[in-house]
Amino acid sequence: MSNYAPLTVDISIIKEFVLDKRCTIIKNSEEEDHFVAELIEAIKKIDIKQLMDKDSLKLAVQEFTNKSDIIWHKHSKYIN
């Protein structure tokens, strides 16, 4: 006799796709030049006069992050 109830644990293992490729931009390439030029333009377009509080800063950073991701994927190539 025991004072304990039996314990059953179900562990689900979900098959998940993991991307095994990375994106890169070749150093000193034309793609790198275009990437840097577009990134500089994106930085210049940040309106710092509108940064009055933490929320406006957070929005500006998020917008820049989104733009830099778009620029990165536009100029990078997948490698193994």
N, C-alpha and C. Protein backbone atom coordinates (compact mmCIF):
# COMPACT_ATOMS: atom_id res chain seq x y z
N MET A 1 0.83 -1.19 0.00
CA MET A 1 0.00 0.00 0.00
C MET A 1 0.88 1.25 0.00
N SER A 2 0.35 2.27 -0.72
CA SER A 2 1.11 3.50 -0.85
C SER A 2 0.17 4.68 -0.70
N ASN A 3 0.68 5.78 -0.18
CA ASN A 3 -0.10 7.02 -0.04
C ASN A 3 0.02 7.91 -1.26
N TYR A 4 0.72 7.46 -2.29
CA TYR A 4 0.98 8.27 -3.47
C TYR A 4 0.16 7.80 -4.66
N ALA A 5 -0.25 8.75 -5.47
CA ALA A 5 -0.96 8.43 -6.72
C ALA A 5 0.07 8.27 -7.82
N PRO A 6 -0.17 7.35 -8.77
CA PRO A 6 0.79 7.21 -9.87
C PRO A 6 0.81 8.47 -10.73
N LEU A 7 1.99 8.80 -11.23
CA LEU A 7 2.17 10.01 -12.04
C LEU A 7 2.53 9.59 -13.46
N THR A 8 1.80 10.14 -14.44
CA THR A 8 2.06 9.86 -15.84
C THR A 8 2.41 11.17 -16.53
N VAL A 9 3.49 11.15 -17.32
CA VAL A 9 3.93 12.33 -18.06
C VAL A 9 3.98 11.99 -19.53
N ASP A 10 3.31 12.80 -20.35
CA ASP A 10 3.38 12.65 -21.80
C ASP A 10 4.29 13.74 -22.35
N ILE A 11 5.28 13.34 -23.12
CA ILE A 11 6.19 14.30 -23.75
C ILE A 11 5.98 14.19 -25.25
N SER A 12 5.49 15.28 -25.84
CA SER A 12 5.27 15.31 -27.28
C SER A 12 6.52 15.83 -27.97
N ILE A 13 6.95 15.14 -29.00
CA ILE A 13 8.09 15.58 -29.79
C ILE A 13 7.54 15.95 -31.17
N ILE A 14 7.67 17.22 -31.48
CA ILE A 14 7.13 17.74 -32.73
C ILE A 14 8.26 17.87 -33.74
N LYS A 15 8.01 17.34 -34.91
CA LYS A 15 8.99 17.46 -35.98
C LYS A 15 9.00 18.91 -36.45
N GLU A 16 10.17 19.51 -36.50
CA GLU A 16 10.28 20.92 -36.85
C GLU A 16 11.36 21.11 -37.91
N PHE A 17 11.06 21.97 -38.87
CA PHE A 17 12.03 22.27 -39.91
C PHE A 17 13.00 23.33 -39.39
N VAL A 18 14.29 23.05 -39.52
CA VAL A 18 15.32 23.99 -39.10
C VAL A 18 16.11 24.38 -40.34
N LEU A 19 16.13 25.65 -40.62
CA LEU A 19 16.86 26.16 -41.78
C LEU A 19 18.36 26.02 -41.52
N ASP A 20 19.04 25.32 -42.41
CA ASP A 20 20.47 25.10 -42.22
C ASP A 20 21.33 25.95 -43.16
N LYS A 21 20.72 27.00 -43.66
CA LYS A 21 21.46 27.92 -44.52
C LYS A 21 21.54 29.27 -43.82
N ARG A 22 22.57 30.02 -44.16
CA ARG A 22 22.73 31.35 -43.62
C ARG A 22 22.76 32.36 -44.75
N CYS A 23 22.43 33.58 -44.42
CA CYS A 23 22.52 34.67 -45.40
C CYS A 23 23.84 35.41 -45.17
N THR A 24 24.44 35.83 -46.25
CA THR A 24 25.67 36.60 -46.15
C THR A 24 25.77 37.56 -47.32
N ILE A 25 26.59 38.57 -47.13
CA ILE A 25 26.94 39.49 -48.21
C ILE A 25 28.44 39.40 -48.37
N ILE A 26 28.87 39.16 -49.58
CA ILE A 26 30.30 38.99 -49.84
C ILE A 26 31.02 40.31 -49.64
N LYS A 27 32.10 40.25 -48.87
CA LYS A 27 32.90 41.44 -48.56
C LYS A 27 33.46 42.04 -49.84
N ASN A 28 33.43 43.38 -49.92
CA ASN A 28 33.95 44.16 -51.04
C ASN A 28 33.22 43.88 -52.36
N SER A 29 31.98 43.44 -52.26
CA SER A 29 31.20 43.16 -53.47
C SER A 29 30.28 44.34 -53.78
N GLU A 30 29.69 44.29 -54.95
CA GLU A 30 28.72 45.31 -55.34
C GLU A 30 27.50 45.27 -54.42
N GLU A 31 27.11 44.05 -54.02
CA GLU A 31 25.97 43.91 -53.10
C GLU A 31 26.26 44.60 -51.77
N GLU A 32 27.50 44.48 -51.29
CA GLU A 32 27.87 45.13 -50.03
C GLU A 32 27.77 46.65 -50.17
N ASP A 33 28.25 47.17 -51.29
CA ASP A 33 28.17 48.62 -51.53
C ASP A 33 26.73 49.10 -51.53
N HIS A 34 25.86 48.36 -52.22
CA HIS A 34 24.44 48.73 -52.28
C HIS A 34 23.78 48.62 -50.91
N PHE A 35 24.11 47.55 -50.17
CA PHE A 35 23.57 47.36 -48.83
C PHE A 35 23.93 48.53 -47.92
N VAL A 36 25.21 48.87 -47.91
CA VAL A 36 25.69 49.97 -47.05
C VAL A 36 25.04 51.29 -47.45
N ALA A 37 24.94 51.55 -48.74
CA ALA A 37 24.34 52.80 -49.21
C ALA A 37 22.87 52.90 -48.79
N GLU A 38 22.12 51.80 -48.95
CA GLU A 38 20.70 51.82 -48.56
C GLU A 38 20.54 51.91 -47.05
N LEU A 39 21.43 51.27 -46.30
CA LEU A 39 21.36 51.34 -44.84
C LEU A 39 21.64 52.77 -44.36
N ILE A 40 22.61 53.42 -44.97
CA ILE A 40 22.92 54.82 -44.62
C ILE A 40 21.71 55.70 -44.89
N GLU A 41 21.04 55.50 -46.03
CA GLU A 41 19.85 56.28 -46.35
C GLU A 41 18.74 56.04 -45.32
N ALA A 42 18.59 54.79 -44.90
CA ALA A 42 17.56 54.47 -43.90
C ALA A 42 17.86 55.17 -42.57
N ILE A 43 19.13 55.23 -42.21
CA ILE A 43 19.52 55.92 -40.97
C ILE A 43 19.27 57.42 -41.09
N LYS A 44 19.58 57.98 -42.25
CA LYS A 44 19.36 59.42 -42.46
C LYS A 44 17.88 59.79 -42.38
N LYS A 45 17.00 58.85 -42.74
CA LYS A 45 15.56 59.14 -42.77
C LYS A 45 14.89 59.05 -41.40
N ILE A 46 15.64 58.65 -40.37
CA ILE A 46 15.07 58.60 -39.03
C ILE A 46 14.86 60.03 -38.55
N ASP A 47 13.62 60.35 -38.23
CA ASP A 47 13.28 61.71 -37.79
C ASP A 47 13.50 61.81 -36.28
N ILE A 48 14.67 62.29 -35.88
CA ILE A 48 14.99 62.34 -34.46
C ILE A 48 14.24 63.47 -33.73
N LYS A 49 13.64 64.38 -34.48
CA LYS A 49 12.87 65.45 -33.84
C LYS A 49 11.59 64.90 -33.22
N GLN A 50 11.15 63.75 -33.68
CA GLN A 50 9.92 63.14 -33.16
C GLN A 50 10.16 62.25 -31.94
N LEU A 51 11.42 62.11 -31.53
CA LEU A 51 11.74 61.25 -30.40
C LEU A 51 11.58 62.04 -29.10
N MET A 52 10.38 61.95 -28.52
CA MET A 52 10.07 62.73 -27.33
C MET A 52 10.01 61.88 -26.06
N ASP A 53 9.77 60.57 -26.22
CA ASP A 53 9.64 59.70 -25.06
C ASP A 53 10.06 58.28 -25.43
N LYS A 54 9.95 57.37 -24.47
CA LYS A 54 10.37 56.00 -24.71
C LYS A 54 9.56 55.33 -25.80
N ASP A 55 8.26 55.62 -25.86
CA ASP A 55 7.41 54.98 -26.86
C ASP A 55 7.78 55.40 -28.28
N SER A 56 8.05 56.69 -28.47
CA SER A 56 8.43 57.14 -29.81
C SER A 56 9.81 56.59 -30.20
N LEU A 57 10.70 56.46 -29.22
CA LEU A 57 12.00 55.86 -29.49
C LEU A 57 11.85 54.38 -29.87
N LYS A 58 10.99 53.69 -29.14
CA LYS A 58 10.75 52.27 -29.41
C LYS A 58 10.19 52.08 -30.82
N LEU A 59 9.26 52.94 -31.22
CA LEU A 59 8.69 52.85 -32.57
C LEU A 59 9.74 53.14 -33.65
N ALA A 60 10.58 54.13 -33.41
CA ALA A 60 11.63 54.47 -34.38
C ALA A 60 12.63 53.33 -34.52
N VAL A 61 13.00 52.71 -33.40
CA VAL A 61 13.94 51.59 -33.44
C VAL A 61 13.32 50.40 -34.17
N GLN A 62 12.04 50.14 -33.90
CA GLN A 62 11.35 49.04 -34.58
C GLN A 62 11.26 49.27 -36.08
N GLU A 63 10.95 50.50 -36.46
CA GLU A 63 10.87 50.84 -37.88
C GLU A 63 12.24 50.67 -38.56
N PHE A 64 13.31 51.13 -37.89
CA PHE A 64 14.65 50.96 -38.44
C PHE A 64 15.02 49.49 -38.54
N THR A 65 14.67 48.71 -37.53
CA THR A 65 14.96 47.28 -37.54
C THR A 65 14.26 46.60 -38.71
N ASN A 66 13.01 46.93 -38.94
CA ASN A 66 12.26 46.36 -40.06
C ASN A 66 12.91 46.73 -41.40
N LYS A 67 13.27 48.00 -41.54
CA LYS A 67 13.89 48.46 -42.79
C LYS A 67 15.25 47.79 -43.01
N SER A 68 16.05 47.68 -41.95
CA SER A 68 17.37 47.06 -42.10
C SER A 68 17.23 45.57 -42.45
N ASP A 69 16.23 44.89 -41.90
CA ASP A 69 15.99 43.48 -42.28
C ASP A 69 15.63 43.37 -43.75
N ILE A 70 14.77 44.26 -44.22
CA ILE A 70 14.37 44.24 -45.63
C ILE A 70 15.58 44.49 -46.53
N ILE A 71 16.39 45.48 -46.16
CA ILE A 71 17.59 45.80 -46.94
C ILE A 71 18.57 44.63 -46.93
N TRP A 72 18.75 44.00 -45.76
CA TRP A 72 19.66 42.86 -45.66
C TRP A 72 19.22 41.73 -46.59
N HIS A 73 17.94 41.36 -46.52
CA HIS A 73 17.45 40.25 -47.34
C HIS A 73 17.45 40.59 -48.83
N LYS A 74 17.35 41.85 -49.14
CA LYS A 74 17.37 42.28 -50.54
C LYS A 74 18.75 42.05 -51.16
N HIS A 75 19.82 42.25 -50.38
CA HIS A 75 21.17 42.20 -50.92
C HIS A 75 21.97 40.95 -50.53
N SER A 76 21.46 40.17 -49.59
CA SER A 76 22.22 38.98 -49.17
C SER A 76 21.85 37.76 -50.00
N LYS A 77 22.68 36.75 -49.88
CA LYS A 77 22.48 35.49 -50.59
C LYS A 77 22.57 34.36 -49.57
N TYR A 78 21.78 33.28 -49.82
CA TYR A 78 21.85 32.11 -48.96
C TYR A 78 23.07 31.27 -49.28
N ILE A 79 23.73 30.79 -48.22
CA ILE A 79 24.85 29.88 -48.38
C ILE A 79 24.62 28.67 -47.48
N ASN A 80 25.29 27.57 -47.78
CA ASN A 80 25.18 26.37 -46.92
C ASN A 80 26.10 26.50 -45.73
